Amino acid sequence: MATTAPPATTPTTALVANHLFSATVHLGPHLGPIPLLGGGQRMVEPITGGNIAGPAFNAVIEGGFAAPIFVQQQPIPTVEHTPSTQSSTNGDGDASADADSDTPPESEPKNDGESTKQNHHLLAHIWPYGTASDGSAFFLEESGVGGPGGQNTRLNIQVGGRYKALQTMYVLAQPRVVDRERTM
């Protein structure tokens, strides 16, 4: 009777999450909402200042802007399909089905302000800039998705000086909005 060795396993690398920094961002009055043709609304908010503090990065935010897109959550529609028994042609020889429906057209979603605040997705887009604690300039690109409770975003950090290694990192963030009135 022959024995077989167990399959060789390759070692896996564990992902390690480290707290790099926390940021406080101050926003000015927003511009918008700007209705988007594909759906949703964009708000444009100037960044008027802020700070970044932590074990991996310290800086002063001097400006920038946030331009999130708010998309209203819609219930998934259910479609009842009843095969048509009648058909006709439209004069070009193309067949079309005659559909009769006793259901009224769907109404627009209710926008009472309060339900809008709780029933939307947020596509976060944030671009702050400023000066790092070593005097080098920095620019951040942050984008992601989430809801009223918070978002998951990715940061691209563009900075030189002693912080230049941050440019090589895959940085995830979870921004939280303190002022709920600013989230539509």
C-alpha atoms as a PDB file:
ATOM      1  CA  MET A   1       0.000   0.000   0.000  1.00  0.00           C
ATOM      2  CA  ALA A   2       1.462   3.307  -1.114  1.00  0.00           C
ATOM      3  CA  THR A   3       1.147   6.428   0.930  1.00  0.00           C
ATOM      4  CA  THR A   4       0.926   9.885  -0.536  1.00  0.00           C
ATOM      5  CA  ALA A   5       2.267  13.019   1.019  1.00  0.00           C
ATOM      6  CA  PRO A   6      -0.210  15.790   1.796  1.00  0.00           C
ATOM      7  CA  PRO A   7      -0.229  18.565  -0.786  1.00  0.00           C
ATOM      8  CA  ALA A   8       2.357  21.234  -0.131  1.00  0.00           C
ATOM      9  CA  THR A   9       0.905  24.512   1.022  1.00  0.00           C
ATOM     10  CA  THR A  10       2.438  27.831   0.292  1.00  0.00           C
ATOM     11  CA  PRO A  11       2.725  30.259   3.168  1.00  0.00           C
ATOM     12  CA  THR A  12       0.271  33.111   3.021  1.00  0.00           C
ATOM     13  CA  THR A  13       1.033  36.677   3.899  1.00  0.00           C
ATOM     14  CA  ALA A  14      -1.347  38.146   6.413  1.00  0.00           C
ATOM     15  CA  LEU A  15      -2.679  41.613   5.785  1.00  0.00           C
ATOM     16  CA  VAL A  16      -1.868  43.954   8.606  1.00  0.00           C
ATOM     17  CA  ALA A  17      -3.796  47.150   9.203  1.00  0.00           C
ATOM     18  CA  ASN A  18      -1.939  49.971  10.893  1.00  0.00           C
ATOM     19  CA  HIS A  19      -3.354  53.306  11.955  1.00  0.00           C
ATOM     20  CA  LEU A  20      -1.421  55.885   9.946  1.00  0.00           C
ATOM     21  CA  PHE A  21      -3.178  59.123  10.840  1.00  0.00           C
ATOM     22  CA  SER A  22      -6.467  60.872  11.532  1.00  0.00           C
ATOM     23  CA  ALA A  23      -7.600  63.955   9.658  1.00  0.00           C
ATOM     24  CA  THR A  24      -9.955  66.773  10.525  1.00  0.00           C
ATOM     25  CA  VAL A  25     -11.268  68.626   7.479  1.00  0.00           C
ATOM     26  CA  HIS A  26     -13.194  71.911   7.659  1.00  0.00           C
ATOM     27  CA  LEU A  27     -15.682  72.541   4.840  1.00  0.00           C
ATOM     28  CA  GLY A  28     -17.082  75.838   3.590  1.00  0.00           C
ATOM     29  CA  PRO A  29     -20.585  76.442   2.209  1.00  0.00           C
ATOM     30  CA  HIS A  30     -21.471  73.985  -0.538  1.00  0.00           C
ATOM     31  CA  LEU A  31     -22.304  74.681  -4.146  1.00  0.00           C
ATOM     32  CA  GLY A  32     -25.122  72.615  -5.507  1.00  0.00           C
ATOM     33  CA  PRO A  33     -26.843  70.318  -5.682  1.00  0.00           C
ATOM     34  CA  ILE A  34     -25.903  69.801  -9.309  1.00  0.00           C
ATOM     35  CA  PRO A  35     -28.280  67.273 -10.917  1.00  0.00           C
ATOM     36  CA  LEU A  36     -26.414  64.668 -12.949  1.00  0.00           C
ATOM     37  CA  LEU A  37     -27.796  63.264 -16.192  1.00  0.00           C
ATOM     38  CA  GLY A  38     -26.967  59.685 -15.177  1.00  0.00           C
ATOM     39  CA  GLY A  39     -28.766  60.100 -11.851  1.00  0.00           C
ATOM     40  CA  GLY A  40     -27.808  61.506  -8.501  1.00  0.00           C
ATOM     41  CA  GLN A  41     -26.626  64.902  -7.406  1.00  0.00           C
ATOM     42  CA  ARG A  42     -23.142  66.314  -6.924  1.00  0.00           C
ATOM     43  CA  MET A  43     -22.319  68.701  -4.111  1.00  0.00           C
ATOM     44  CA  VAL A  44     -19.143  70.787  -4.295  1.00  0.00           C
ATOM     45  CA  GLU A  45     -17.716  71.901  -0.964  1.00  0.00           C
ATOM     46  CA  PRO A  46     -14.507  73.900  -0.549  1.00  0.00           C
ATOM     47  CA  ILE A  47     -12.043  72.625   2.021  1.00  0.00           C
ATOM     48  CA  THR A  48     -11.105  75.655   4.119  1.00  0.00           C
ATOM     49  CA  GLY A  49      -8.505  73.998   6.338  1.00  0.00           C
ATOM     50  CA  GLY A  50      -7.814  71.171   8.727  1.00  0.00           C
ATOM     51  CA  ASN A  51      -5.061  69.011  10.119  1.00  0.00           C
ATOM     52  CA  ILE A  52      -3.604  65.524   9.833  1.00  0.00           C
ATOM     53  CA  ALA A  53      -1.998  63.906  12.861  1.00  0.00           C
ATOM     54  CA  GLY A  54      -0.703  60.412  13.515  1.00  0.00           C
ATOM     55  CA  PRO A  55       2.274  58.111  13.777  1.00  0.00           C
ATOM     56  CA  ALA A  56       2.922  58.048   9.994  1.00  0.00           C
ATOM     57  CA  PHE A  57       1.939  61.531   8.772  1.00  0.00           C
ATOM     58  CA  ASN A  58       1.488  65.011  10.221  1.00  0.00           C
ATOM     59  CA  ALA A  59       0.384  67.974   8.150  1.00  0.00           C
ATOM     60  CA  VAL A  60      -1.730  71.096   7.872  1.00  0.00           C
ATOM     61  CA  ILE A  61      -4.534  71.073   5.291  1.00  0.00           C
ATOM     62  CA  GLU A  62      -4.577  74.439   3.526  1.00  0.00           C
ATOM     63  CA  GLY A  63      -7.328  73.927   0.962  1.00  0.00           C
ATOM     64  CA  GLY A  64      -8.927  71.707  -1.631  1.00  0.00           C
ATOM     65  CA  PHE A  65     -12.457  70.572  -2.293  1.00  0.00           C
ATOM     66  CA  ALA A  66     -14.847  67.712  -1.755  1.00  0.00           C
ATOM     67  CA  ALA A  67     -17.292  66.809  -4.512  1.00  0.00           C
ATOM     68  CA  PRO A  68     -19.384  63.837  -3.380  1.00  0.00           C
ATOM     69  CA  ILE A  69     -22.152  62.359  -5.508  1.00  0.00           C
ATOM     70  CA  PHE A  70     -25.363  61.372  -3.736  1.00  0.00           C
ATOM     71  CA  VAL A  71     -27.425  58.622  -5.346  1.00  0.00           C
ATOM     72  CA  GLN A  72     -30.878  57.868  -3.977  1.00  0.00           C
ATOM     73  CA  GLN A  73     -31.406  54.213  -3.102  1.00  0.00           C
ATOM     74  CA  GLN A  74     -34.307  52.780  -5.042  1.00  0.00           C
ATOM     75  CA  PRO A  75     -36.163  49.589  -4.244  1.00  0.00           C
ATOM     76  CA  ILE A  76     -35.491  46.847  -6.747  1.00  0.00           C
ATOM     77  CA  PRO A  77     -38.515  46.824  -9.049  1.00  0.00           C
ATOM     78  CA  THR A  78     -40.419  43.617  -9.607  1.00  0.00           C
ATOM     79  CA  VAL A  79     -41.723  43.007 -13.070  1.00  0.00           C
ATOM     80  CA  GLU A  80     -44.677  40.778 -13.714  1.00  0.00           C
ATOM     81  CA  HIS A  81     -44.582  39.547 -17.257  1.00  0.00           C
ATOM     82  CA  THR A  82     -47.746  38.323 -18.913  1.00  0.00           C
ATOM     83  CA  PRO A  83     -47.269  37.127 -22.476  1.00  0.00           C
ATOM     84  CA  SER A  84     -49.216  39.190 -24.967  1.00  0.00           C
ATOM     85  CA  THR A  85     -51.783  37.429 -27.107  1.00  0.00           C
ATOM     86  CA  GLN A  86     -52.112  40.252 -29.608  1.00  0.00           C
ATOM     87  CA  SER A  87     -49.532  41.529 -32.024  1.00  0.00           C
ATOM     88  CA  SER A  88     -49.439  44.104 -34.737  1.00  0.00           C
ATOM     89  CA  THR A  89     -46.966  45.639 -37.109  1.00  0.00           C
ATOM     90  CA  ASN A  90     -45.863  49.237 -37.030  1.00  0.00           C
ATOM     91  CA  GLY A  91     -45.902  49.736 -40.795  1.00  0.00           C
ATOM     92  CA  ASP A  92     -42.226  48.957 -41.230  1.00  0.00           C
ATOM     93  CA  GLY A  93     -42.862  45.258 -40.940  1.00  0.00           C
ATOM     94  CA  ASP A  94     -41.546  45.135 -37.369  1.00  0.00           C
ATOM     95  CA  ALA A  95     -43.773  43.291 -34.926  1.00  0.00           C
ATOM     96  CA  SER A  96     -44.649  44.978 -31.656  1.00  0.00           C
ATOM     97  CA  ALA A  97     -46.641  43.710 -28.700  1.00  0.00           C
ATOM     98  CA  ASP A  98     -49.771  45.495 -27.528  1.00  0.00           C
ATOM     99  CA  ALA A  99     -49.513  45.853 -23.788  1.00  0.00           C
ATOM    100  CA  ASP A 100     -52.430  46.676 -21.558  1.00  0.00           C
ATOM    101  CA  SER A 101     -51.764  47.610 -17.972  1.00  0.00           C
ATOM    102  CA  ASP A 102     -54.031  48.445 -15.093  1.00  0.00           C
ATOM    103  CA  THR A 103     -51.110  49.717 -13.015  1.00  0.00           C
ATOM    104  CA  PRO A 104     -50.441  53.435 -12.860  1.00  0.00           C
ATOM    105  CA  PRO A 105     -47.015  54.731 -13.846  1.00  0.00           C
ATOM    106  CA  GLU A 106     -44.509  54.700 -11.010  1.00  0.00           C
ATOM    107  CA  SER A 107     -44.335  57.950  -9.120  1.00  0.00           C
ATOM    108  CA  GLU A 108     -41.141  59.804  -8.325  1.00  0.00           C
ATOM    109  CA  PRO A 109     -39.444  58.805  -5.084  1.00  0.00           C
ATOM    110  CA  LYS A 110     -40.610  60.779  -2.093  1.00  0.00           C
ATOM    111  CA  ASN A 111     -38.150  63.508  -1.212  1.00  0.00           C
ATOM    112  CA  ASP A 112     -39.135  64.712   2.220  1.00  0.00           C
ATOM    113  CA  GLY A 113     -35.617  65.667   3.286  1.00  0.00           C
ATOM    114  CA  GLU A 114     -35.406  63.260   6.203  1.00  0.00           C
ATOM    115  CA  SER A 115     -35.853  60.100   4.127  1.00  0.00           C
ATOM    116  CA  THR A 116     -33.326  61.449   1.617  1.00  0.00           C
ATOM    117  CA  LYS A 117     -30.708  61.736   4.356  1.00  0.00           C
ATOM    118  CA  GLN A 118     -31.126  58.098   5.304  1.00  0.00           C
ATOM    119  CA  ASN A 119     -31.687  56.458   1.903  1.00  0.00           C
ATOM    120  CA  HIS A 120     -28.745  57.332  -0.287  1.00  0.00           C
ATOM    121  CA  HIS A 121     -25.371  56.068  -1.352  1.00  0.00           C
ATOM    122  CA  LEU A 122     -22.466  58.457  -1.270  1.00  0.00           C
ATOM    123  CA  LEU A 123     -19.678  58.325  -3.823  1.00  0.00           C
ATOM    124  CA  ALA A 124     -16.920  60.191  -1.993  1.00  0.00           C
ATOM    125  CA  HIS A 125     -14.427  62.327  -3.928  1.00  0.00           C
ATOM    126  CA  ILE A 126     -12.108  64.468  -1.780  1.00  0.00           C
ATOM    127  CA  TRP A 127      -8.968  66.402  -2.799  1.00  0.00           C
ATOM    128  CA  PRO A 128      -7.124  68.223   0.037  1.00  0.00           C
ATOM    129  CA  TYR A 129      -3.660  69.777  -0.208  1.00  0.00           C
ATOM    130  CA  GLY A 130      -1.293  71.451   2.198  1.00  0.00           C
ATOM    131  CA  THR A 131       2.070  71.295   3.931  1.00  0.00           C
ATOM    132  CA  ALA A 132       3.523  68.314   5.784  1.00  0.00           C
ATOM    133  CA  SER A 133       5.321  68.812   9.101  1.00  0.00           C
ATOM    134  CA  ASP A 134       8.716  68.542   7.344  1.00  0.00           C
ATOM    135  CA  GLY A 135       7.791  71.469   5.049  1.00  0.00           C
ATOM    136  CA  SER A 136       7.064  69.383   1.939  1.00  0.00           C
ATOM    137  CA  ALA A 137       3.885  69.922  -0.028  1.00  0.00           C
ATOM    138  CA  PHE A 138       1.250  67.170  -0.212  1.00  0.00           C
ATOM    139  CA  PHE A 139      -1.855  66.358  -2.227  1.00  0.00           C
ATOM    140  CA  LEU A 140      -4.375  63.630  -1.369  1.00  0.00           C
ATOM    141  CA  GLU A 141      -6.863  61.942  -3.671  1.00  0.00           C
ATOM    142  CA  GLU A 142      -9.609  60.143  -1.777  1.00  0.00           C
ATOM    143  CA  SER A 143     -12.458  58.229  -3.394  1.00  0.00           C
ATOM    144  CA  GLY A 144     -14.842  55.530  -2.307  1.00  0.00           C
ATOM    145  CA  VAL A 145     -18.420  54.615  -1.528  1.00  0.00           C
ATOM    146  CA  GLY A 146     -20.728  54.301   1.455  1.00  0.00           C
ATOM    147  CA  GLY A 147     -23.900  55.483   3.091  1.00  0.00           C
ATOM    148  CA  PRO A 148     -24.952  57.876   5.846  1.00  0.00           C
ATOM    149  CA  GLY A 149     -23.180  55.764   8.496  1.00  0.00           C
ATOM    150  CA  GLY A 150     -19.773  55.988   6.860  1.00  0.00           C
ATOM    151  CA  GLN A 151     -17.787  55.281   3.763  1.00  0.00           C
ATOM    152  CA  ASN A 152     -14.871  53.092   2.732  1.00  0.00           C
ATOM    153  CA  THR A 153     -12.363  54.991   0.649  1.00  0.00           C
ATOM    154  CA  ARG A 154      -8.895  54.680  -0.819  1.00  0.00           C
ATOM    155  CA  LEU A 155      -6.270  57.386  -0.407  1.00  0.00           C
ATOM    156  CA  ASN A 156      -3.557  58.157  -2.923  1.00  0.00           C
ATOM    157  CA  ILE A 157      -1.013  60.200  -0.991  1.00  0.00           C
ATOM    158  CA  GLN A 158       1.336  62.369  -3.010  1.00  0.00           C
ATOM    159  CA  VAL A 159       4.044  63.807  -0.772  1.00  0.00           C
ATOM    160  CA  GLY A 160       7.812  64.155  -0.709  1.00  0.00           C
ATOM    161  CA  GLY A 161      10.380  64.636   2.013  1.00  0.00           C
ATOM    162  CA  ARG A 162      10.476  62.195   4.881  1.00  0.00           C
ATOM    163  CA  TYR A 163       6.915  61.034   4.062  1.00  0.00           C
ATOM    164  CA  LYS A 164       7.611  59.970   0.447  1.00  0.00           C
ATOM    165  CA  ALA A 165       7.170  56.258   1.321  1.00  0.00           C
ATOM    166  CA  LEU A 166       3.418  56.961   1.744  1.00  0.00           C
ATOM    167  CA  GLN A 167       3.228  57.171  -2.060  1.00  0.00           C
ATOM    168  CA  THR A 168       3.905  53.423  -2.286  1.00  0.00           C
ATOM    169  CA  MET A 169       1.222  52.336   0.205  1.00  0.00           C
ATOM    170  CA  TYR A 170      -2.298  51.120  -0.427  1.00  0.00           C
ATOM    171  CA  VAL A 171      -4.148  53.213   2.141  1.00  0.00           C
ATOM    172  CA  LEU A 172      -7.775  52.576   3.112  1.00  0.00           C
ATOM    173  CA  ALA A 173      -9.792  55.113   5.081  1.00  0.00           C
ATOM    174  CA  GLN A 174     -13.196  55.377   6.717  1.00  0.00           C
ATOM    175  CA  PRO A 175     -14.314  59.013   6.787  1.00  0.00           C
ATOM    176  CA  ARG A 176     -17.098  59.975   9.163  1.00  0.00           C
ATOM    177  CA  VAL A 177     -19.233  63.061   8.777  1.00  0.00           C
ATOM    178  CA  VAL A 178     -19.685  64.930  12.048  1.00  0.00           C
ATOM    179  CA  ASP A 179     -22.227  67.466  10.757  1.00  0.00           C
ATOM    180  CA  ARG A 180     -25.188  65.387   9.466  1.00  0.00           C
ATOM    181  CA  GLU A 181     -26.832  68.459   7.916  1.00  0.00           C
ATOM    182  CA  ARG A 182     -23.967  68.563   5.395  1.00  0.00           C
ATOM    183  CA  THR A 183     -24.777  65.105   4.020  1.00  0.00           C
ATOM    184  CA  MET A 184     -28.037  66.047   2.277  1.00  0.00           C
END
